[in-house]
Amino acid sequence: MQLVVDTSFWVDFTRQRLPDAEALLVEDALREQRVIMPQMVWLELVVGFRSPAEQAFLQELRSVCHWEPLTESVGLEAEQLAAMLRKKGVVLVATDLLILTTAQRLGAALLHHDGDFTRALKLPEFVRLRVEL
């Protein structure tokens, strides 16, 4: 299974705040090159990770992840997704919409530590994006 890994997860990963099962899952996925790096997640990490150790981690991460650029079509799909979610009472910030859209269009599971994603992934439309440990 391919994984889109959200910024919230990477922050906890670098701070070693993950349960063992989650750490093992992402480490295996990195080793097997099954991690997708959406450009939006990358931009959030570039802005937030400032220390030399964090910068080195970013470069290593980029070298083993499948790069997924932000495109006009992703933006348009995110608009449609926002409308659908709003009708169901779920509102996501724009960055999260783009990340969720990327996972959905690629059929990849979304690994995160974000309450907004937790609410969205409870909807039946996103059952295949859930990570079950």
N, C-alpha and C. Protein backbone atom coordinates (compact mmCIF):
# COMPACT_ATOMS: atom_id res chain seq x y z
N MET A 1 0.83 -1.17 0.00
CA MET A 1 0.00 0.00 0.00
C MET A 1 0.88 1.25 0.00
N GLN A 2 0.55 2.17 -0.89
CA GLN A 2 1.25 3.45 -0.91
C GLN A 2 0.69 4.34 0.18
N LEU A 3 1.54 5.23 0.70
CA LEU A 3 1.14 6.12 1.78
C LEU A 3 1.40 7.57 1.42
N VAL A 4 0.38 8.41 1.58
CA VAL A 4 0.59 9.85 1.62
C VAL A 4 0.74 10.17 3.10
N VAL A 5 1.84 10.78 3.46
CA VAL A 5 2.11 11.08 4.87
C VAL A 5 1.98 12.58 5.07
N ASP A 6 1.08 12.96 5.97
CA ASP A 6 0.81 14.36 6.24
C ASP A 6 1.89 14.99 7.12
N THR A 7 1.97 16.29 7.04
CA THR A 7 2.92 17.07 7.82
C THR A 7 2.82 16.76 9.31
N SER A 8 1.60 16.64 9.82
CA SER A 8 1.40 16.37 11.25
C SER A 8 2.10 15.09 11.68
N PHE A 9 2.10 14.10 10.81
CA PHE A 9 2.76 12.84 11.12
C PHE A 9 4.28 13.01 11.10
N TRP A 10 4.80 13.72 10.07
CA TRP A 10 6.25 13.91 9.97
C TRP A 10 6.79 14.67 11.18
N VAL A 11 6.04 15.63 11.68
CA VAL A 11 6.48 16.37 12.87
C VAL A 11 6.62 15.41 14.04
N ASP A 12 5.62 14.57 14.27
CA ASP A 12 5.71 13.61 15.37
C ASP A 12 6.78 12.56 15.12
N PHE A 13 6.99 12.19 13.87
CA PHE A 13 8.04 11.22 13.53
C PHE A 13 9.41 11.77 13.90
N THR A 14 9.69 13.01 13.51
CA THR A 14 11.01 13.59 13.79
C THR A 14 11.22 13.85 15.27
N ARG A 15 10.14 14.03 16.00
CA ARG A 15 10.25 14.25 17.45
C ARG A 15 10.13 12.95 18.23
N GLN A 16 10.10 11.84 17.51
CA GLN A 16 10.03 10.50 18.10
C GLN A 16 8.84 10.36 19.05
N ARG A 17 7.68 10.83 18.57
CA ARG A 17 6.45 10.77 19.36
C ARG A 17 5.42 9.85 18.71
N LEU A 18 5.88 8.73 18.19
CA LEU A 18 4.98 7.79 17.53
C LEU A 18 4.89 6.49 18.30
N PRO A 19 3.72 5.87 18.29
CA PRO A 19 3.65 4.49 18.79
C PRO A 19 4.54 3.61 17.91
N ASP A 20 5.04 2.53 18.47
CA ASP A 20 5.95 1.65 17.74
C ASP A 20 5.36 1.17 16.42
N ALA A 21 4.07 0.84 16.41
CA ALA A 21 3.45 0.31 15.19
C ALA A 21 3.47 1.35 14.07
N GLU A 22 3.23 2.61 14.40
CA GLU A 22 3.25 3.65 13.38
C GLU A 22 4.67 3.91 12.89
N ALA A 23 5.62 3.94 13.79
CA ALA A 23 7.01 4.15 13.40
C ALA A 23 7.47 3.04 12.46
N LEU A 24 7.14 1.81 12.79
CA LEU A 24 7.51 0.67 11.95
C LEU A 24 6.84 0.76 10.59
N LEU A 25 5.57 1.13 10.57
CA LEU A 25 4.84 1.26 9.30
C LEU A 25 5.51 2.25 8.37
N VAL A 26 5.83 3.43 8.87
CA VAL A 26 6.41 4.45 8.00
C VAL A 26 7.86 4.10 7.64
N GLU A 27 8.60 3.52 8.55
CA GLU A 27 9.98 3.12 8.24
C GLU A 27 10.00 2.05 7.15
N ASP A 28 9.10 1.08 7.24
CA ASP A 28 9.00 0.06 6.19
C ASP A 28 8.61 0.68 4.86
N ALA A 29 7.64 1.59 4.89
CA ALA A 29 7.19 2.23 3.66
C ALA A 29 8.30 3.07 3.04
N LEU A 30 9.09 3.74 3.86
CA LEU A 30 10.22 4.51 3.33
C LEU A 30 11.25 3.58 2.70
N ARG A 31 11.58 2.51 3.39
CA ARG A 31 12.57 1.56 2.88
C ARG A 31 12.11 0.95 1.56
N GLU A 32 10.81 0.70 1.44
CA GLU A 32 10.25 0.09 0.23
C GLU A 32 9.82 1.14 -0.81
N GLN A 33 10.10 2.39 -0.53
CA GLN A 33 9.78 3.51 -1.42
C GLN A 33 8.30 3.54 -1.80
N ARG A 34 7.45 3.43 -0.77
CA ARG A 34 6.00 3.49 -0.97
C ARG A 34 5.40 4.77 -0.42
N VAL A 35 6.25 5.73 -0.06
CA VAL A 35 5.76 6.98 0.50
C VAL A 35 5.66 8.03 -0.59
N ILE A 36 4.51 8.67 -0.65
CA ILE A 36 4.26 9.75 -1.61
C ILE A 36 4.42 11.07 -0.88
N MET A 37 5.16 11.98 -1.50
CA MET A 37 5.37 13.31 -0.92
C MET A 37 4.61 14.34 -1.76
N PRO A 38 3.41 14.73 -1.31
CA PRO A 38 2.72 15.80 -2.02
C PRO A 38 3.50 17.11 -1.87
N GLN A 39 3.52 17.89 -2.91
CA GLN A 39 4.24 19.15 -2.87
C GLN A 39 3.76 20.04 -1.71
N MET A 40 2.48 19.99 -1.38
CA MET A 40 1.96 20.81 -0.29
C MET A 40 2.56 20.39 1.04
N VAL A 41 2.70 19.10 1.28
CA VAL A 41 3.35 18.63 2.51
C VAL A 41 4.80 19.09 2.53
N TRP A 42 5.47 18.94 1.40
CA TRP A 42 6.87 19.37 1.30
C TRP A 42 7.01 20.85 1.67
N LEU A 43 6.15 21.69 1.13
CA LEU A 43 6.22 23.12 1.42
C LEU A 43 6.01 23.40 2.90
N GLU A 44 5.06 22.70 3.51
CA GLU A 44 4.85 22.88 4.95
C GLU A 44 6.08 22.46 5.75
N LEU A 45 6.73 21.39 5.34
CA LEU A 45 7.93 20.93 6.04
C LEU A 45 9.10 21.89 5.83
N VAL A 46 9.25 22.39 4.63
CA VAL A 46 10.33 23.34 4.34
C VAL A 46 10.19 24.59 5.21
N VAL A 47 8.97 25.05 5.38
CA VAL A 47 8.72 26.23 6.21
C VAL A 47 8.96 25.92 7.69
N GLY A 48 8.54 24.76 8.14
CA GLY A 48 8.59 24.44 9.56
C GLY A 48 9.88 23.83 10.07
N PHE A 49 10.58 23.10 9.23
CA PHE A 49 11.81 22.43 9.67
C PHE A 49 12.99 23.34 9.39
N ARG A 50 13.59 23.88 10.46
CA ARG A 50 14.63 24.89 10.29
C ARG A 50 16.02 24.46 10.75
N SER A 51 16.09 23.55 11.71
CA SER A 51 17.40 23.18 12.26
C SER A 51 18.21 22.40 11.23
N PRO A 52 19.53 22.37 11.38
CA PRO A 52 20.35 21.58 10.46
C PRO A 52 19.94 20.10 10.42
N ALA A 53 19.59 19.53 11.56
CA ALA A 53 19.17 18.12 11.59
C ALA A 53 17.86 17.94 10.82
N GLU A 54 16.93 18.87 11.00
CA GLU A 54 15.66 18.79 10.27
C GLU A 54 15.87 18.98 8.78
N GLN A 55 16.75 19.89 8.41
CA GLN A 55 17.05 20.11 7.00
C GLN A 55 17.68 18.87 6.37
N ALA A 56 18.58 18.22 7.10
CA ALA A 56 19.19 16.98 6.59
C ALA A 56 18.13 15.90 6.43
N PHE A 57 17.23 15.80 7.39
CA PHE A 57 16.13 14.83 7.30
C PHE A 57 15.29 15.10 6.06
N LEU A 58 14.99 16.36 5.80
CA LEU A 58 14.19 16.71 4.62
C LEU A 58 14.85 16.23 3.33
N GLN A 59 16.14 16.46 3.21
CA GLN A 59 16.83 16.05 1.98
C GLN A 59 16.82 14.53 1.82
N GLU A 60 17.02 13.83 2.92
CA GLU A 60 16.96 12.37 2.88
C GLU A 60 15.55 11.90 2.51
N LEU A 61 14.57 12.54 3.11
CA LEU A 61 13.17 12.19 2.85
C LEU A 61 12.83 12.39 1.38
N ARG A 62 13.23 13.50 0.84
CA ARG A 62 12.92 13.81 -0.57
C ARG A 62 13.54 12.76 -1.49
N SER A 63 14.69 12.24 -1.12
CA SER A 63 15.38 11.28 -2.00
C SER A 63 14.70 9.91 -2.05
N VAL A 64 13.87 9.58 -1.05
CA VAL A 64 13.25 8.25 -1.03
C VAL A 64 11.74 8.27 -1.25
N CYS A 65 11.16 9.44 -1.37
CA CYS A 65 9.71 9.55 -1.57
C CYS A 65 9.36 9.79 -3.03
N HIS A 66 8.20 9.30 -3.41
CA HIS A 66 7.66 9.59 -4.74
C HIS A 66 7.10 11.01 -4.69
N TRP A 67 7.58 11.88 -5.55
CA TRP A 67 7.18 13.28 -5.59
C TRP A 67 5.86 13.43 -6.32
N GLU A 68 4.92 14.14 -5.72
CA GLU A 68 3.63 14.39 -6.35
C GLU A 68 3.40 15.90 -6.39
N PRO A 69 3.57 16.50 -7.59
CA PRO A 69 3.47 17.96 -7.69
C PRO A 69 2.04 18.46 -7.53
N LEU A 70 1.94 19.70 -7.13
CA LEU A 70 0.65 20.38 -7.04
C LEU A 70 0.31 20.87 -8.44
N THR A 71 -0.80 20.40 -8.97
CA THR A 71 -1.20 20.77 -10.33
C THR A 71 -2.55 21.46 -10.32
N GLU A 72 -2.88 22.06 -11.44
CA GLU A 72 -4.18 22.71 -11.56
C GLU A 72 -5.31 21.70 -11.36
N SER A 73 -5.14 20.50 -11.90
CA SER A 73 -6.21 19.50 -11.76
C SER A 73 -6.41 19.09 -10.30
N VAL A 74 -5.34 19.04 -9.52
CA VAL A 74 -5.48 18.74 -8.09
C VAL A 74 -6.27 19.86 -7.42
N GLY A 75 -5.97 21.10 -7.78
CA GLY A 75 -6.69 22.23 -7.22
C GLY A 75 -8.17 22.19 -7.55
N LEU A 76 -8.49 21.85 -8.79
CA LEU A 76 -9.90 21.78 -9.19
C LEU A 76 -10.63 20.64 -8.48
N GLU A 77 -9.96 19.50 -8.34
CA GLU A 77 -10.56 18.37 -7.61
C GLU A 77 -10.76 18.73 -6.14
N ALA A 78 -9.82 19.49 -5.58
CA ALA A 78 -9.93 19.90 -4.18
C ALA A 78 -11.15 20.81 -3.98
N GLU A 79 -11.43 21.66 -4.96
CA GLU A 79 -12.63 22.50 -4.88
C GLU A 79 -13.89 21.64 -4.80
N GLN A 80 -13.96 20.64 -5.65
CA GLN A 80 -15.13 19.75 -5.65
C GLN A 80 -15.22 18.98 -4.34
N LEU A 81 -14.08 18.54 -3.85
CA LEU A 81 -14.05 17.81 -2.58
C LEU A 81 -14.51 18.71 -1.43
N ALA A 82 -14.10 19.97 -1.45
CA ALA A 82 -14.51 20.91 -0.40
C ALA A 82 -16.03 21.05 -0.37
N ALA A 83 -16.64 21.15 -1.54
CA ALA A 83 -18.10 21.29 -1.61
C ALA A 83 -18.79 20.04 -1.06
N MET A 84 -18.29 18.87 -1.42
CA MET A 84 -18.88 17.62 -0.94
C MET A 84 -18.73 17.51 0.58
N LEU A 85 -17.55 17.82 1.09
CA LEU A 85 -17.31 17.73 2.53
C LEU A 85 -18.18 18.73 3.29
N ARG A 86 -18.31 19.93 2.77
CA ARG A 86 -19.11 20.96 3.42
C ARG A 86 -20.56 20.49 3.59
N LYS A 87 -21.09 19.84 2.56
CA LYS A 87 -22.47 19.32 2.63
C LYS A 87 -22.61 18.27 3.73
N LYS A 88 -21.51 17.62 4.07
CA LYS A 88 -21.54 16.58 5.10
C LYS A 88 -21.08 17.11 6.45
N GLY A 89 -20.87 18.42 6.53
CA GLY A 89 -20.51 19.04 7.79
C GLY A 89 -19.04 18.99 8.15
N VAL A 90 -18.19 18.70 7.18
CA VAL A 90 -16.74 18.64 7.43
C VAL A 90 -16.07 19.76 6.65
N VAL A 91 -15.31 20.58 7.36
CA VAL A 91 -14.59 21.68 6.71
C VAL A 91 -13.10 21.48 6.96
N LEU A 92 -12.34 21.48 5.88
CA LEU A 92 -10.88 21.36 5.97
C LEU A 92 -10.24 22.65 5.47
N VAL A 93 -9.08 22.98 6.02
CA VAL A 93 -8.31 24.11 5.48
C VAL A 93 -7.80 23.73 4.10
N ALA A 94 -7.45 24.73 3.32
CA ALA A 94 -7.06 24.50 1.93
C ALA A 94 -5.90 23.51 1.79
N THR A 95 -4.90 23.63 2.64
CA THR A 95 -3.76 22.71 2.52
C THR A 95 -4.19 21.26 2.74
N ASP A 96 -5.04 21.05 3.73
CA ASP A 96 -5.52 19.68 3.99
C ASP A 96 -6.38 19.16 2.84
N LEU A 97 -7.16 20.04 2.23
CA LEU A 97 -7.95 19.63 1.06
C LEU A 97 -7.05 19.14 -0.06
N LEU A 98 -5.96 19.85 -0.29
CA LEU A 98 -5.04 19.46 -1.36
C LEU A 98 -4.36 18.12 -1.04
N ILE A 99 -4.01 17.92 0.20
CA ILE A 99 -3.37 16.66 0.61
C ILE A 99 -4.35 15.50 0.52
N LEU A 100 -5.57 15.70 1.00
CA LEU A 100 -6.59 14.65 0.91
C LEU A 100 -6.92 14.33 -0.54
N THR A 101 -7.00 15.35 -1.37
CA THR A 101 -7.28 15.14 -2.79
C THR A 101 -6.17 14.31 -3.43
N THR A 102 -4.93 14.60 -3.09
CA THR A 102 -3.81 13.84 -3.64
C THR A 102 -3.91 12.38 -3.25
N ALA A 103 -4.17 12.11 -1.98
CA ALA A 103 -4.31 10.72 -1.53
C ALA A 103 -5.46 10.03 -2.26
N GLN A 104 -6.58 10.71 -2.37
CA GLN A 104 -7.75 10.12 -3.01
C GLN A 104 -7.49 9.81 -4.48
N ARG A 105 -6.90 10.73 -5.19
CA ARG A 105 -6.71 10.51 -6.63
C ARG A 105 -5.69 9.41 -6.90
N LEU A 106 -4.75 9.20 -5.97
CA LEU A 106 -3.74 8.16 -6.14
C LEU A 106 -4.15 6.83 -5.51
N GLY A 107 -5.24 6.83 -4.76
CA GLY A 107 -5.67 5.62 -4.07
C GLY A 107 -4.70 5.20 -2.98
N ALA A 108 -4.05 6.18 -2.37
CA ALA A 108 -3.06 5.91 -1.33
C ALA A 108 -3.68 6.15 0.04
N ALA A 109 -3.24 5.38 1.02
CA ALA A 109 -3.69 5.61 2.39
C ALA A 109 -3.09 6.92 2.89
N LEU A 110 -3.81 7.58 3.79
CA LEU A 110 -3.36 8.86 4.35
C LEU A 110 -2.96 8.65 5.80
N LEU A 111 -1.68 8.81 6.07
CA LEU A 111 -1.13 8.66 7.41
C LEU A 111 -1.00 10.05 8.01
N HIS A 112 -1.63 10.26 9.16
CA HIS A 112 -1.69 11.61 9.73
C HIS A 112 -1.85 11.55 11.24
N HIS A 113 -1.66 12.70 11.86
CA HIS A 113 -1.98 12.93 13.28
C HIS A 113 -2.76 14.23 13.36
N ASP A 114 -3.88 14.30 12.68
CA ASP A 114 -4.64 15.54 12.52
C ASP A 114 -6.12 15.24 12.71
N GLY A 115 -6.73 15.91 13.67
CA GLY A 115 -8.14 15.68 13.97
C GLY A 115 -9.07 15.97 12.81
N ASP A 116 -8.73 16.96 11.99
CA ASP A 116 -9.57 17.27 10.83
C ASP A 116 -9.59 16.11 9.84
N PHE A 117 -8.43 15.52 9.60
CA PHE A 117 -8.39 14.34 8.72
C PHE A 117 -9.16 13.18 9.35
N THR A 118 -9.05 13.02 10.65
CA THR A 118 -9.77 11.94 11.32
C THR A 118 -11.26 12.05 11.06
N ARG A 119 -11.81 13.27 11.17
CA ARG A 119 -13.24 13.48 10.90
C ARG A 119 -13.57 13.17 9.44
N ALA A 120 -12.76 13.66 8.52
CA ALA A 120 -13.04 13.43 7.09
C ALA A 120 -12.97 11.95 6.74
N LEU A 121 -11.99 11.25 7.28
CA LEU A 121 -11.81 9.85 6.92
C LEU A 121 -12.86 8.92 7.53
N LYS A 122 -13.69 9.44 8.41
CA LYS A 122 -14.81 8.65 8.93
C LYS A 122 -15.92 8.51 7.90
N LEU A 123 -15.92 9.38 6.90
CA LEU A 123 -16.95 9.32 5.86
C LEU A 123 -16.72 8.09 4.99
N PRO A 124 -17.79 7.44 4.55
CA PRO A 124 -17.64 6.22 3.76
C PRO A 124 -16.88 6.43 2.44
N GLU A 125 -16.90 7.63 1.92
CA GLU A 125 -16.18 7.91 0.67
C GLU A 125 -14.68 7.72 0.79
N PHE A 126 -14.19 7.77 2.02
CA PHE A 126 -12.74 7.72 2.23
C PHE A 126 -12.26 6.46 2.94
N VAL A 127 -13.09 5.44 3.00
CA VAL A 127 -12.73 4.22 3.73
C VAL A 127 -11.40 3.64 3.23
N ARG A 128 -11.15 3.70 1.94
CA ARG A 128 -9.92 3.09 1.41
C ARG A 128 -8.67 3.91 1.71
N LEU A 129 -8.84 5.12 2.24
CA LEU A 129 -7.69 5.96 2.58
C LEU A 129 -7.25 5.79 4.03
N ARG A 130 -8.05 5.05 4.79
CA ARG A 130 -7.74 4.88 6.22
C ARG A 130 -6.57 3.92 6.41
N VAL A 131 -5.77 4.20 7.42
CA VAL A 131 -4.68 3.31 7.81
C VAL A 131 -5.13 2.58 9.07
N GLU A 132 -5.21 1.27 8.98
CA GLU A 132 -5.59 0.45 10.13
C GLU A 132 -4.35 -0.26 10.65
N LEU A 133 -4.05 -0.03 11.91
CA LEU A 133 -2.87 -0.67 12.51
C LEU A 133 -3.29 -1.80 13.43
